[in-house]
Structures are given as C-alpha cells and as structure tokens.
Amino acid sequence: MKKIIAPAFIAGLLIVFFIGQLVACFVYEVPNFIKILGAVIFLALIGVSIFVLIERIKEIRSGEEDDLGKY
C-alpha cells in the first residue's frame, strides 16, 4: 500500500493543477473558442492522468516494481 501513495499523490497534484487551469479558462475574458479548446485539453489531461494512475496501481499490485521490466 505504501508504494501506491506516491503515484496517487502526484496524480492528485496534477489533477488539482489541471482543474485550476480549467477554472481559469472560464474566469478570464477570452473568446469562447479558446475557452472550449482549453476545457477539452485540460479534461483530456485529467483523463490521461487518471488512466496512467490506474495502470500504475495495476503494475504495483501485480508485483512489477518498475516500468523498466517492459523494455
């Protein structure tokens, strides 16, 4: 369980940062196209962060300690 804490913490920080950027897209006065584009980009980054976290947790639970075993 201790090995899952660091990836979860880093992913949590990234998600909080991306949510902050997402909110900033709508707070500042910019064209709607930029707002929509920014929202799509940051939502995609949040989704990728969650996907990578889930994959890393699966790797840790399967006993693979590092990613270097794949290469």
PDB file of N, CA and C in Angstrom:
ATOM      1  N   MET A   1       0.823  -1.202   0.000  1.00  0.00           N
ATOM      2  CA  MET A   1       0.000   0.000   0.000  1.00  0.00           C
ATOM      3  C   MET A   1       0.865   1.263   0.000  1.00  0.00           C
ATOM      4  N   LYS A   2       2.052   1.185   0.640  1.00  0.00           N
ATOM      5  CA  LYS A   2       2.914   2.359   0.697  1.00  0.00           C
ATOM      6  C   LYS A   2       3.410   2.768  -0.684  1.00  0.00           C
ATOM      7  N   LYS A   3       3.532   1.806  -1.593  1.00  0.00           N
ATOM      8  CA  LYS A   3       4.053   2.099  -2.921  1.00  0.00           C
ATOM      9  C   LYS A   3       3.028   2.817  -3.789  1.00  0.00           C
ATOM     10  N   ILE A   4       1.764   2.765  -3.412  1.00  0.00           N
ATOM     11  CA  ILE A   4       0.706   3.415  -4.177  1.00  0.00           C
ATOM     12  C   ILE A   4       0.559   4.888  -3.780  1.00  0.00           C
ATOM     13  N   ILE A   5       1.054   5.243  -2.617  1.00  0.00           N
ATOM     14  CA  ILE A   5       0.861   6.603  -2.102  1.00  0.00           C
ATOM     15  C   ILE A   5       1.522   7.652  -2.996  1.00  0.00           C
ATOM     16  N   ALA A   6       2.762   7.445  -3.399  1.00  0.00           N
ATOM     17  CA  ALA A   6       3.477   8.448  -4.203  1.00  0.00           C
ATOM     18  C   ALA A   6       2.809   8.678  -5.568  1.00  0.00           C
ATOM     19  N   PRO A   7       2.505   7.619  -6.338  1.00  0.00           N
ATOM     20  CA  PRO A   7       1.825   7.882  -7.618  1.00  0.00           C
ATOM     21  C   PRO A   7       0.466   8.548  -7.435  1.00  0.00           C
ATOM     22  N   ALA A   8      -0.272   8.160  -6.403  1.00  0.00           N
ATOM     23  CA  ALA A   8      -1.580   8.765  -6.160  1.00  0.00           C
ATOM     24  C   ALA A   8      -1.428  10.239  -5.772  1.00  0.00           C
ATOM     25  N   PHE A   9      -0.411  10.547  -4.993  1.00  0.00           N
ATOM     26  CA  PHE A   9      -0.178  11.930  -4.584  1.00  0.00           C
ATOM     27  C   PHE A   9       0.181  12.801  -5.789  1.00  0.00           C
ATOM     28  N   ILE A  10       1.087  12.309  -6.614  1.00  0.00           N
ATOM     29  CA  ILE A  10       1.496  13.066  -7.804  1.00  0.00           C
ATOM     30  C   ILE A  10       0.320  13.244  -8.761  1.00  0.00           C
ATOM     31  N   ALA A  11      -0.442  12.180  -8.976  1.00  0.00           N
ATOM     32  CA  ALA A  11      -1.613  12.281  -9.856  1.00  0.00           C
ATOM     33  C   ALA A  11      -2.628  13.259  -9.269  1.00  0.00           C
ATOM     34  N   GLY A  12      -2.802  13.243  -7.960  1.00  0.00           N
ATOM     35  CA  GLY A  12      -3.714  14.181  -7.310  1.00  0.00           C
ATOM     36  C   GLY A  12      -3.273  15.618  -7.502  1.00  0.00           C
ATOM     37  N   LEU A  13      -1.970  15.864  -7.368  1.00  0.00           N
ATOM     38  CA  LEU A  13      -1.454  17.215  -7.596  1.00  0.00           C
ATOM     39  C   LEU A  13      -1.682  17.665  -9.038  1.00  0.00           C
ATOM     40  N   LEU A  14      -1.412  16.767  -9.977  1.00  0.00           N
ATOM     41  CA  LEU A  14      -1.642  17.103 -11.384  1.00  0.00           C
ATOM     42  C   LEU A  14      -3.103  17.412 -11.656  1.00  0.00           C
ATOM     43  N   ILE A  15      -3.989  16.604 -11.102  1.00  0.00           N
ATOM     44  CA  ILE A  15      -5.419  16.803 -11.327  1.00  0.00           C
ATOM     45  C   ILE A  15      -5.883  18.126 -10.732  1.00  0.00           C
ATOM     46  N   VAL A  16      -5.401  18.446  -9.542  1.00  0.00           N
ATOM     47  CA  VAL A  16      -5.757  19.734  -8.927  1.00  0.00           C
ATOM     48  C   VAL A  16      -5.236  20.892  -9.776  1.00  0.00           C
ATOM     49  N   PHE A  17      -4.024  20.762 -10.280  1.00  0.00           N
ATOM     50  CA  PHE A  17      -3.458  21.804 -11.149  1.00  0.00           C
ATOM     51  C   PHE A  17      -4.295  21.953 -12.417  1.00  0.00           C
ATOM     52  N   PHE A  18      -4.636  20.826 -13.048  1.00  0.00           N
ATOM     53  CA  PHE A  18      -5.427  20.887 -14.276  1.00  0.00           C
ATOM     54  C   PHE A  18      -6.821  21.455 -14.028  1.00  0.00           C
ATOM     55  N   ILE A  19      -7.420  21.145 -12.893  1.00  0.00           N
ATOM     56  CA  ILE A  19      -8.729  21.713 -12.556  1.00  0.00           C
ATOM     57  C   ILE A  19      -8.606  23.224 -12.367  1.00  0.00           C
ATOM     58  N   GLY A  20      -7.522  23.660 -11.731  1.00  0.00           N
ATOM     59  CA  GLY A  20      -7.286  25.093 -11.575  1.00  0.00           C
ATOM     60  C   GLY A  20      -7.150  25.789 -12.913  1.00  0.00           C
ATOM     61  N   GLN A  21      -6.441  25.162 -13.826  1.00  0.00           N
ATOM     62  CA  GLN A  21      -6.293  25.729 -15.161  1.00  0.00           C
ATOM     63  C   GLN A  21      -7.627  25.731 -15.905  1.00  0.00           C
ATOM     64  N   LEU A  22      -8.417  24.687 -15.695  1.00  0.00           N
ATOM     65  CA  LEU A  22      -9.736  24.600 -16.315  1.00  0.00           C
ATOM     66  C   LEU A  22     -10.641  25.723 -15.824  1.00  0.00           C
ATOM     67  N   VAL A  23     -10.611  25.979 -14.532  1.00  0.00           N
ATOM     68  CA  VAL A  23     -11.406  27.071 -13.971  1.00  0.00           C
ATOM     69  C   VAL A  23     -10.912  28.410 -14.511  1.00  0.00           C
ATOM     70  N   ALA A  24      -9.599  28.552 -14.639  1.00  0.00           N
ATOM     71  CA  ALA A  24      -9.040  29.804 -15.155  1.00  0.00           C
ATOM     72  C   ALA A  24      -9.485  30.067 -16.589  1.00  0.00           C
ATOM     73  N   CYS A  25      -9.722  29.003 -17.344  1.00  0.00           N
ATOM     74  CA  CYS A  25     -10.212  29.186 -18.723  1.00  0.00           C
ATOM     75  C   CYS A  25     -11.539  29.935 -18.746  1.00  0.00           C
ATOM     76  N   PHE A  26     -12.346  29.723 -17.726  1.00  0.00           N
ATOM     77  CA  PHE A  26     -13.684  30.327 -17.723  1.00  0.00           C
ATOM     78  C   PHE A  26     -13.757  31.613 -16.910  1.00  0.00           C
ATOM     79  N   VAL A  27     -12.752  31.872 -16.096  1.00  0.00           N
ATOM     80  CA  VAL A  27     -12.766  33.080 -15.277  1.00  0.00           C
ATOM     81  C   VAL A  27     -12.328  34.295 -16.100  1.00  0.00           C
ATOM     82  N   TYR A  28     -11.296  34.112 -16.895  1.00  0.00           N
ATOM     83  CA  TYR A  28     -10.759  35.233 -17.674  1.00  0.00           C
ATOM     84  C   TYR A  28     -11.580  35.455 -18.933  1.00  0.00           C
ATOM     85  N   GLU A  29     -11.579  36.681 -19.366  1.00  0.00           N
ATOM     86  CA  GLU A  29     -12.355  37.068 -20.544  1.00  0.00           C
ATOM     87  C   GLU A  29     -11.553  36.755 -21.809  1.00  0.00           C
ATOM     88  N   VAL A  30     -11.857  35.618 -22.388  1.00  0.00           N
ATOM     89  CA  VAL A  30     -11.241  35.191 -23.645  1.00  0.00           C
ATOM     90  C   VAL A  30     -12.350  34.720 -24.579  1.00  0.00           C
ATOM     91  N   PRO A  31     -12.067  34.612 -25.859  1.00  0.00           N
ATOM     92  CA  PRO A  31     -13.102  34.138 -26.793  1.00  0.00           C
ATOM     93  C   PRO A  31     -13.597  32.734 -26.432  1.00  0.00           C
ATOM     94  N   ASN A  32     -14.846  32.471 -26.786  1.00  0.00           N
ATOM     95  CA  ASN A  32     -15.449  31.186 -26.442  1.00  0.00           C
ATOM     96  C   ASN A  32     -14.701  30.007 -27.050  1.00  0.00           C
ATOM     97  N   PHE A  33     -14.160  30.187 -28.254  1.00  0.00           N
ATOM     98  CA  PHE A  33     -13.407  29.114 -28.887  1.00  0.00           C
ATOM     99  C   PHE A  33     -12.217  28.705 -28.021  1.00  0.00           C
ATOM    100  N   ILE A  34     -11.526  29.683 -27.466  1.00  0.00           N
ATOM    101  CA  ILE A  34     -10.369  29.411 -26.600  1.00  0.00           C
ATOM    102  C   ILE A  34     -10.828  28.717 -25.317  1.00  0.00           C
ATOM    103  N   LYS A  35     -11.955  29.135 -24.775  1.00  0.00           N
ATOM    104  CA  LYS A  35     -12.480  28.500 -23.564  1.00  0.00           C
ATOM    105  C   LYS A  35     -12.797  27.031 -23.815  1.00  0.00           C
ATOM    106  N   ILE A  36     -13.461  26.760 -24.925  1.00  0.00           N
ATOM    107  CA  ILE A  36     -13.832  25.380 -25.242  1.00  0.00           C
ATOM    108  C   ILE A  36     -12.581  24.541 -25.506  1.00  0.00           C
ATOM    109  N   LEU A  37     -11.648  25.086 -26.268  1.00  0.00           N
ATOM    110  CA  LEU A  37     -10.404  24.375 -26.554  1.00  0.00           C
ATOM    111  C   LEU A  37      -9.626  24.092 -25.274  1.00  0.00           C
ATOM    112  N   GLY A  38      -9.533  25.085 -24.407  1.00  0.00           N
ATOM    113  CA  GLY A  38      -8.849  24.891 -23.128  1.00  0.00           C
ATOM    114  C   GLY A  38      -9.533  23.842 -22.272  1.00  0.00           C
ATOM    115  N   ALA A  39     -10.859  23.877 -22.243  1.00  0.00           N
ATOM    116  CA  ALA A  39     -11.607  22.899 -21.453  1.00  0.00           C
ATOM    117  C   ALA A  39     -11.373  21.491 -21.974  1.00  0.00           C
ATOM    118  N   VAL A  40     -11.394  21.318 -23.285  1.00  0.00           N
ATOM    119  CA  VAL A  40     -11.179  19.991 -23.872  1.00  0.00           C
ATOM    120  C   VAL A  40      -9.768  19.496 -23.560  1.00  0.00           C
ATOM    121  N   ILE A  41      -8.793  20.366 -23.707  1.00  0.00           N
ATOM    122  CA  ILE A  41      -7.408  19.965 -23.443  1.00  0.00           C
ATOM    123  C   ILE A  41      -7.219  19.562 -21.991  1.00  0.00           C
ATOM    124  N   PHE A  42      -7.708  20.376 -21.062  1.00  0.00           N
ATOM    125  CA  PHE A  42      -7.485  20.061 -19.652  1.00  0.00           C
ATOM    126  C   PHE A  42      -8.308  18.866 -19.191  1.00  0.00           C
ATOM    127  N   LEU A  43      -9.502  18.681 -19.742  1.00  0.00           N
ATOM    128  CA  LEU A  43     -10.272  17.478 -19.415  1.00  0.00           C
ATOM    129  C   LEU A  43      -9.573  16.235 -19.952  1.00  0.00           C
ATOM    130  N   ALA A  44      -8.964  16.334 -21.117  1.00  0.00           N
ATOM    131  CA  ALA A  44      -8.207  15.208 -21.659  1.00  0.00           C
ATOM    132  C   ALA A  44      -6.988  14.894 -20.789  1.00  0.00           C
ATOM    133  N   LEU A  45      -6.306  15.920 -20.332  1.00  0.00           N
ATOM    134  CA  LEU A  45      -5.151  15.710 -19.463  1.00  0.00           C
ATOM    135  C   LEU A  45      -5.549  15.085 -18.128  1.00  0.00           C
ATOM    136  N   ILE A  46      -6.694  15.480 -17.600  1.00  0.00           N
ATOM    137  CA  ILE A  46      -7.192  14.870 -16.363  1.00  0.00           C
ATOM    138  C   ILE A  46      -7.495  13.398 -16.603  1.00  0.00           C
ATOM    139  N   GLY A  47      -8.145  13.094 -17.731  1.00  0.00           N
ATOM    140  CA  GLY A  47      -8.456  11.707 -18.061  1.00  0.00           C
ATOM    141  C   GLY A  47      -7.213  10.858 -18.223  1.00  0.00           C
ATOM    142  N   VAL A  48      -6.202  11.387 -18.891  1.00  0.00           N
ATOM    143  CA  VAL A  48      -4.947  10.652 -19.072  1.00  0.00           C
ATOM    144  C   VAL A  48      -4.254  10.436 -17.737  1.00  0.00           C
ATOM    145  N   SER A  49      -4.270  11.430 -16.871  1.00  0.00           N
ATOM    146  CA  SER A  49      -3.649  11.281 -15.550  1.00  0.00           C
ATOM    147  C   SER A  49      -4.310  10.171 -14.744  1.00  0.00           C
ATOM    148  N   ILE A  50      -5.627  10.114 -14.792  1.00  0.00           N
ATOM    149  CA  ILE A  50      -6.354   9.069 -14.075  1.00  0.00           C
ATOM    150  C   ILE A  50      -6.055   7.702 -14.685  1.00  0.00           C
ATOM    151  N   PHE A  51      -6.019   7.615 -16.013  1.00  0.00           N
ATOM    152  CA  PHE A  51      -5.721   6.355 -16.683  1.00  0.00           C
ATOM    153  C   PHE A  51      -4.324   5.856 -16.313  1.00  0.00           C
ATOM    154  N   VAL A  52      -3.332   6.745 -16.332  1.00  0.00           N
ATOM    155  CA  VAL A  52      -1.960   6.360 -16.003  1.00  0.00           C
ATOM    156  C   VAL A  52      -1.870   5.926 -14.536  1.00  0.00           C
ATOM    157  N   LEU A  53      -2.585   6.602 -13.651  1.00  0.00           N
ATOM    158  CA  LEU A  53      -2.586   6.210 -12.246  1.00  0.00           C
ATOM    159  C   LEU A  53      -3.167   4.813 -12.077  1.00  0.00           C
ATOM    160  N   ILE A  54      -4.261   4.520 -12.746  1.00  0.00           N
ATOM    161  CA  ILE A  54      -4.872   3.196 -12.649  1.00  0.00           C
ATOM    162  C   ILE A  54      -3.921   2.127 -13.188  1.00  0.00           C
ATOM    163  N   GLU A  55      -3.267   2.407 -14.306  1.00  0.00           N
ATOM    164  CA  GLU A  55      -2.307   1.455 -14.872  1.00  0.00           C
ATOM    165  C   GLU A  55      -1.143   1.223 -13.912  1.00  0.00           C
ATOM    166  N   ARG A  56      -0.653   2.276 -13.290  1.00  0.00           N
ATOM    167  CA  ARG A  56       0.476   2.145 -12.342  1.00  0.00           C
ATOM    168  C   ARG A  56       0.064   1.332 -11.119  1.00  0.00           C
ATOM    169  N   ILE A  57      -1.136   1.545 -10.629  1.00  0.00           N
ATOM    170  CA  ILE A  57      -1.617   0.766  -9.483  1.00  0.00           C
ATOM    171  C   ILE A  57      -1.716  -0.707  -9.857  1.00  0.00           C
ATOM    172  N   LYS A  58      -2.182  -1.000 -11.070  1.00  0.00           N
ATOM    173  CA  LYS A  58      -2.238  -2.398 -11.524  1.00  0.00           C
ATOM    174  C   LYS A  58      -0.850  -3.009 -11.578  1.00  0.00           C
ATOM    175  N   GLU A  59       0.136  -2.242 -12.068  1.00  0.00           N
ATOM    176  CA  GLU A  59       1.510  -2.732 -12.134  1.00  0.00           C
ATOM    177  C   GLU A  59       2.054  -3.018 -10.741  1.00  0.00           C
ATOM    178  N   ILE A  60       1.797  -2.131  -9.808  1.00  0.00           N
ATOM    179  CA  ILE A  60       2.294  -2.321  -8.453  1.00  0.00           C
ATOM    180  C   ILE A  60       1.654  -3.546  -7.821  1.00  0.00           C
ATOM    181  N   ARG A  61       0.365  -3.716  -8.007  1.00  0.00           N
ATOM    182  CA  ARG A  61      -0.330  -4.866  -7.424  1.00  0.00           C
ATOM    183  C   ARG A  61       0.094  -6.187  -8.059  1.00  0.00           C
ATOM    184  N   SER A  62       0.507  -6.157  -9.325  1.00  0.00           N
ATOM    185  CA  SER A  62       0.927  -7.387  -9.983  1.00  0.00           C
ATOM    186  C   SER A  62       2.351  -7.768  -9.607  1.00  0.00           C
ATOM    187  N   GLY A  63       3.043  -6.903  -8.899  1.00  0.00           N
ATOM    188  CA  GLY A  63       4.381  -7.213  -8.421  1.00  0.00           C
ATOM    189  C   GLY A  63       5.480  -6.591  -9.268  1.00  0.00           C
ATOM    190  N   GLU A  64       5.135  -5.896 -10.308  1.00  0.00           N
ATOM    191  CA  GLU A  64       6.161  -5.244 -11.129  1.00  0.00           C
ATOM    192  C   GLU A  64       6.488  -3.900 -10.486  1.00  0.00           C
ATOM    193  N   GLU A  65       7.673  -3.821  -9.941  1.00  0.00           N
ATOM    194  CA  GLU A  65       8.057  -2.642  -9.154  1.00  0.00           C
ATOM    195  C   GLU A  65       8.380  -1.425 -10.013  1.00  0.00           C
ATOM    196  N   ASP A  66       8.986  -1.647 -11.167  1.00  0.00           N
ATOM    197  CA  ASP A  66       9.336  -0.507 -12.011  1.00  0.00           C
ATOM    198  C   ASP A  66       8.892  -0.770 -13.444  1.00  0.00           C
ATOM    199  N   ASP A  67       8.845   0.269 -14.221  1.00  0.00           N
ATOM    200  CA  ASP A  67       8.399   0.166 -15.608  1.00  0.00           C
ATOM    201  C   ASP A  67       9.492  -0.359 -16.530  1.00  0.00           C
ATOM    202  N   LEU A  68      10.710  -0.453 -16.038  1.00  0.00           N
ATOM    203  CA  LEU A  68      11.824  -0.850 -16.882  1.00  0.00           C
ATOM    204  C   LEU A  68      11.743  -2.303 -17.319  1.00  0.00           C
ATOM    205  N   GLY A  69      10.933  -3.106 -16.632  1.00  0.00           N
ATOM    206  CA  GLY A  69      10.788  -4.506 -16.993  1.00  0.00           C
ATOM    207  C   GLY A  69      10.123  -4.693 -18.349  1.00  0.00           C
ATOM    208  N   LYS A  70       9.455  -3.682 -18.847  1.00  0.00           N
ATOM    209  CA  LYS A  70       8.773  -3.773 -20.134  1.00  0.00           C
ATOM    210  C   LYS A  70       9.714  -3.556 -21.309  1.00  0.00           C
ATOM    211  N   TYR A  71      10.881  -2.997 -21.052  1.00  0.00           N
ATOM    212  CA  TYR A  71      11.765  -2.599 -22.156  1.00  0.00           C
ATOM    213  C   TYR A  71      12.962  -3.500 -22.289  1.00  0.00           C
TER     214      TYR A  71
END
